[in-house]
Amino acid sequence: MRPTQYQQFDAAQSASSRNRLLPVMHLETGEAVLLFAETEKRFEERAVFGPAALTAECSEVATPAQWMAEHVEAVANDAHNRTTERPVIVELPLVALMHPDTAVACDAAIARTRLCPQEICLEVQDAALALPAARNAKDGIEALRRCGFRVSINATRSWQAPMDHCLRLLLDSLRVDARKIEENVDLQDRIDAAANAGMLVIAENANWRDSYYLNELGVEYGFRMRADA
């Protein structure tokens, strides 16, 4: 268990990069085995009015698919230049997941880098698969998988997506909030189903001292780990 490794890894990030590549740690060894790409730049899904509109960053990106493709390309280039851990988890906004051109655009973008699609894991929100338009969201995931990308689900805020057999086959990993696991039996059941299906389960905000307990539930990895008090 090496919380200091996390701090050193984070401090080594390039100040000039838009992306921070944060380590996902193995709970038993304490080693960084995956990466999570965190960026301050997000796709703006809301209109901006007033003075904020004057200072908002101008963007020539025409569609959510194009924005996501550029983001994937930037993260892939950063990962190639600075790290060896793979895959790199990249958040995928709902509006990009639902766009019909996202998978093809991301595939073309990754081809311009030194990485392959399997080295990028696109993470969708759990709520996207519990919405009335969940069928379209699932179609988007299937399109990404056909292009070779890994896909994960972020269940740190909600865990209402129907984790049926077909969906579990499409997903590579599941991210949950460790602070909500002990008190929620339904979340524990979802973790168990994901782990038994071969998905990687990542606990965010987990304490190192809880590693054994989390392993027993099927959680093998931790993100933003907390050192023991």
Protein backbone atom coordinates (compact mmCIF):
# COMPACT_ATOMS: atom_id res chain seq x y z
CA MET A 1 0.00 0.00 0.00
CA ARG A 2 1.76 3.10 -1.25
CA PRO A 3 -0.14 6.38 -1.01
CA THR A 4 3.13 8.26 -1.54
CA GLN A 5 3.42 6.72 -5.02
CA TYR A 6 0.09 8.32 -5.92
CA GLN A 7 1.32 11.73 -4.78
CA GLN A 8 4.58 11.42 -6.71
CA PHE A 9 2.76 10.23 -9.83
CA ASP A 10 0.32 13.15 -9.70
CA ALA A 11 3.10 15.69 -9.09
CA ALA A 12 4.94 14.49 -12.16
CA GLN A 13 2.22 15.62 -14.57
CA SER A 14 3.20 18.22 -17.17
CA ALA A 15 2.07 21.71 -16.22
CA SER A 16 1.52 22.58 -19.88
CA SER A 17 -0.90 19.71 -20.53
CA ARG A 18 -4.66 20.12 -20.45
CA ASN A 19 -5.00 16.63 -18.99
CA ARG A 20 -4.02 15.10 -15.67
CA LEU A 21 -3.39 11.37 -15.90
CA LEU A 22 -4.25 10.04 -12.46
CA PRO A 23 -3.38 6.50 -11.36
CA VAL A 24 -5.89 3.77 -10.59
CA MET A 25 -4.21 1.60 -7.96
CA HIS A 26 -4.26 -2.13 -7.36
CA LEU A 27 -5.52 -2.57 -3.80
CA GLU A 28 -3.19 -5.46 -2.96
CA THR A 29 0.07 -4.22 -4.47
CA GLY A 30 -0.47 -0.45 -4.31
CA GLU A 31 0.83 -0.11 -7.86
CA ALA A 32 -0.65 2.09 -10.56
CA VAL A 33 -2.11 -0.23 -13.18
CA LEU A 34 -4.65 1.94 -15.02
CA LEU A 35 -5.00 5.66 -15.65
CA PHE A 36 -7.86 8.12 -15.40
CA ALA A 37 -7.73 11.21 -17.63
CA GLU A 38 -9.01 14.28 -15.83
CA THR A 39 -9.37 17.56 -17.65
CA GLU A 40 -10.74 21.01 -16.86
CA LYS A 41 -12.11 21.30 -20.37
CA ARG A 42 -15.59 19.86 -20.76
CA PHE A 43 -18.13 19.86 -23.53
CA GLU A 44 -20.50 22.76 -22.88
CA GLU A 45 -24.02 21.40 -23.09
CA ARG A 46 -25.69 24.59 -21.91
CA ALA A 47 -26.01 27.99 -23.54
CA VAL A 48 -23.87 30.77 -22.05
CA PHE A 49 -25.38 34.22 -21.68
CA GLY A 50 -24.30 37.64 -20.38
CA PRO A 51 -20.72 38.55 -19.48
CA ALA A 52 -19.77 34.87 -19.26
CA ALA A 53 -20.39 34.55 -22.98
CA LEU A 54 -17.76 37.20 -23.67
CA THR A 55 -15.07 35.35 -21.76
CA ALA A 56 -16.06 31.83 -22.79
CA GLU A 57 -13.48 29.94 -24.78
CA CYS A 58 -14.30 30.07 -28.46
CA SER A 59 -14.51 26.66 -30.04
CA GLU A 60 -14.62 25.67 -33.70
CA VAL A 61 -15.89 22.21 -32.81
CA ALA A 62 -19.15 21.68 -34.65
CA THR A 63 -20.50 18.51 -33.01
CA PRO A 64 -20.18 16.52 -29.79
CA ALA A 65 -18.61 13.71 -31.84
CA GLN A 66 -15.89 16.01 -33.14
CA TRP A 67 -15.25 17.40 -29.65
CA MET A 68 -14.92 13.90 -28.20
CA ALA A 69 -12.60 12.80 -30.99
CA GLU A 70 -10.27 15.74 -30.36
CA HIS A 71 -10.32 14.99 -26.63
CA VAL A 72 -9.48 11.32 -27.18
CA GLU A 73 -6.63 12.27 -29.50
CA ALA A 74 -5.17 14.72 -26.95
CA VAL A 75 -5.38 12.20 -24.11
CA ALA A 76 -3.83 9.47 -26.25
CA ASN A 77 -0.90 11.70 -27.19
CA ASP A 78 -0.37 12.67 -23.54
CA ALA A 79 -0.47 9.03 -22.44
CA HIS A 80 1.99 7.95 -25.12
CA ASN A 81 4.47 10.68 -24.19
CA ARG A 82 4.24 10.41 -20.41
CA THR A 83 3.04 7.00 -19.19
CA THR A 84 3.03 3.26 -19.78
CA GLU A 85 -0.04 2.19 -17.76
CA ARG A 86 -3.05 1.17 -19.85
CA PRO A 87 -5.89 1.47 -20.50
CA VAL A 88 -6.61 5.17 -20.01
CA ILE A 89 -10.15 5.93 -18.82
CA VAL A 90 -11.71 8.96 -20.53
CA GLU A 91 -15.10 10.40 -19.57
CA LEU A 92 -17.66 10.37 -22.38
CA PRO A 93 -20.45 13.00 -22.12
CA LEU A 94 -23.98 11.76 -22.69
CA VAL A 95 -24.46 14.07 -25.68
CA ALA A 96 -21.41 12.50 -27.34
CA LEU A 97 -22.53 8.96 -26.52
CA MET A 98 -25.86 9.62 -28.22
CA HIS A 99 -24.32 11.18 -31.33
CA PRO A 100 -24.25 8.74 -34.27
CA ASP A 101 -20.78 9.80 -35.45
CA THR A 102 -18.88 9.56 -32.16
CA ALA A 103 -17.52 6.03 -32.56
CA VAL A 104 -16.25 6.62 -36.09
CA ALA A 105 -14.79 10.02 -35.19
CA CYS A 106 -12.96 8.60 -32.16
CA ASP A 107 -11.69 5.70 -34.24
CA ALA A 108 -10.25 8.11 -36.81
CA ALA A 109 -8.74 10.21 -34.01
CA ILE A 110 -6.98 7.29 -32.31
CA ALA A 111 -5.56 6.25 -35.69
CA ARG A 112 -3.65 9.56 -35.73
CA THR A 113 -1.89 8.63 -32.48
CA ARG A 114 0.52 5.90 -31.37
CA LEU A 115 -2.16 4.16 -29.27
CA CYS A 116 -4.72 1.59 -30.36
CA PRO A 117 -8.45 1.68 -29.45
CA GLN A 118 -8.03 -1.05 -26.82
CA GLU A 119 -5.80 1.30 -24.82
CA ILE A 120 -8.65 3.80 -24.37
CA CYS A 121 -11.62 3.10 -22.09
CA LEU A 122 -14.54 5.49 -22.59
CA GLU A 123 -16.60 5.96 -19.43
CA VAL A 124 -20.33 6.68 -19.56
CA GLN A 125 -22.59 7.76 -16.72
CA ASP A 126 -24.83 5.14 -15.14
CA ALA A 127 -27.80 7.47 -15.60
CA ALA A 128 -27.34 7.36 -19.38
CA LEU A 129 -28.44 3.72 -19.36
CA ALA A 130 -31.41 4.32 -17.10
CA LEU A 131 -32.97 7.10 -19.19
CA PRO A 132 -35.96 6.63 -21.53
CA ALA A 133 -33.44 6.83 -24.39
CA ALA A 134 -31.31 4.02 -22.94
CA ARG A 135 -31.71 2.01 -26.15
CA ASN A 136 -29.86 4.73 -28.06
CA ALA A 137 -27.18 4.84 -25.36
CA LYS A 138 -26.67 1.09 -25.65
CA ASP A 139 -26.41 1.43 -29.42
CA GLY A 140 -23.69 4.02 -28.87
CA ILE A 141 -21.78 1.64 -26.60
CA GLU A 142 -22.07 -1.17 -29.15
CA ALA A 143 -20.69 1.15 -31.85
CA LEU A 144 -17.69 2.02 -29.66
CA ARG A 145 -17.03 -1.65 -28.97
CA ARG A 146 -17.12 -2.47 -32.68
CA CYS A 147 -14.35 0.09 -33.15
CA GLY A 148 -12.29 -1.65 -30.49
CA PHE A 149 -12.70 0.79 -27.60
CA ARG A 150 -13.22 -0.41 -24.06
CA VAL A 151 -16.28 1.02 -22.29
CA SER A 152 -16.84 1.51 -18.57
CA ILE A 153 -19.69 2.83 -16.45
CA ASN A 154 -19.50 5.51 -13.76
CA ALA A 155 -21.82 4.51 -10.92
CA THR A 156 -20.44 6.88 -8.30
CA ARG A 157 -23.65 8.94 -8.20
CA SER A 158 -26.33 6.46 -9.23
CA TRP A 159 -26.54 2.75 -9.95
CA GLN A 160 -29.86 2.32 -11.70
CA ALA A 161 -28.69 0.97 -15.05
CA PRO A 162 -30.09 -2.51 -15.74
CA MET A 163 -26.96 -4.65 -15.41
CA ASP A 164 -28.31 -7.51 -17.49
CA HIS A 165 -26.13 -10.14 -19.11
CA CYS A 166 -25.97 -8.39 -22.50
CA LEU A 167 -24.91 -5.08 -20.97
CA ARG A 168 -22.24 -6.69 -18.78
CA LEU A 169 -20.69 -8.22 -21.89
CA LEU A 170 -20.28 -4.75 -23.37
CA LEU A 171 -18.66 -3.16 -20.32
CA ASP A 172 -15.05 -3.41 -19.23
CA SER A 173 -15.19 -1.80 -15.79
CA LEU A 174 -17.41 -0.24 -13.14
CA ARG A 175 -16.47 2.78 -10.97
CA VAL A 176 -18.26 3.21 -7.63
CA ASP A 177 -17.94 5.50 -4.62
CA ALA A 178 -16.38 3.50 -1.78
CA ARG A 179 -18.15 5.69 0.80
CA LYS A 180 -21.55 4.37 -0.34
CA ILE A 181 -20.79 0.65 -0.54
CA GLU A 182 -21.18 -0.50 3.07
CA GLU A 183 -24.61 1.04 3.58
CA ASN A 184 -26.17 0.00 0.27
CA VAL A 185 -26.94 -3.65 -0.39
CA ASP A 186 -28.12 -2.96 -3.94
CA LEU A 187 -24.77 -1.43 -4.81
CA GLN A 188 -23.00 -4.44 -3.30
CA ASP A 189 -25.10 -6.73 -5.49
CA ARG A 190 -24.15 -4.75 -8.58
CA ILE A 191 -20.48 -4.94 -7.67
CA ASP A 192 -20.81 -8.70 -7.24
CA ALA A 193 -22.56 -9.08 -10.61
CA ALA A 194 -19.92 -6.95 -12.35
CA ALA A 195 -17.01 -8.81 -10.77
CA ASN A 196 -18.50 -12.22 -11.63
CA ALA A 197 -18.92 -11.06 -15.23
CA GLY A 198 -15.20 -10.30 -15.42
CA MET A 199 -15.52 -6.52 -15.18
CA LEU A 200 -12.93 -4.52 -13.27
CA VAL A 201 -14.46 -2.79 -10.26
CA ILE A 202 -12.84 0.49 -9.17
CA ALA A 203 -13.66 2.10 -5.82
CA GLU A 204 -13.18 5.86 -5.68
CA ASN A 205 -12.39 7.51 -2.31
CA ALA A 206 -11.46 4.18 -0.75
CA ASN A 207 -9.30 3.95 2.38
CA TRP A 208 -6.23 1.75 2.15
CA ARG A 209 -7.19 0.08 5.43
CA ASP A 210 -10.41 -1.16 3.78
CA SER A 211 -8.58 -3.02 1.00
CA TYR A 212 -9.32 -6.49 2.39
CA TYR A 213 -13.03 -5.69 2.86
CA LEU A 214 -13.27 -4.31 -0.68
CA ASN A 215 -11.47 -7.33 -2.13
CA GLU A 216 -13.99 -9.59 -0.45
CA LEU A 217 -16.78 -7.73 -2.24
CA GLY A 218 -15.08 -8.04 -5.63
CA VAL A 219 -13.34 -4.64 -5.77
CA GLU A 220 -9.71 -4.95 -6.91
CA TYR A 221 -8.80 -1.35 -7.76
CA GLY A 222 -8.94 2.04 -6.10
CA PHE A 223 -9.00 5.62 -7.39
CA ARG A 224 -8.17 8.72 -5.36
CA MET A 225 -7.13 6.47 -2.52
CA ARG A 226 -7.12 7.83 1.03
CA ALA A 227 -4.22 7.23 3.36
CA ASP A 228 -5.01 5.77 6.78
CA ALA A 229 -5.49 8.41 9.43
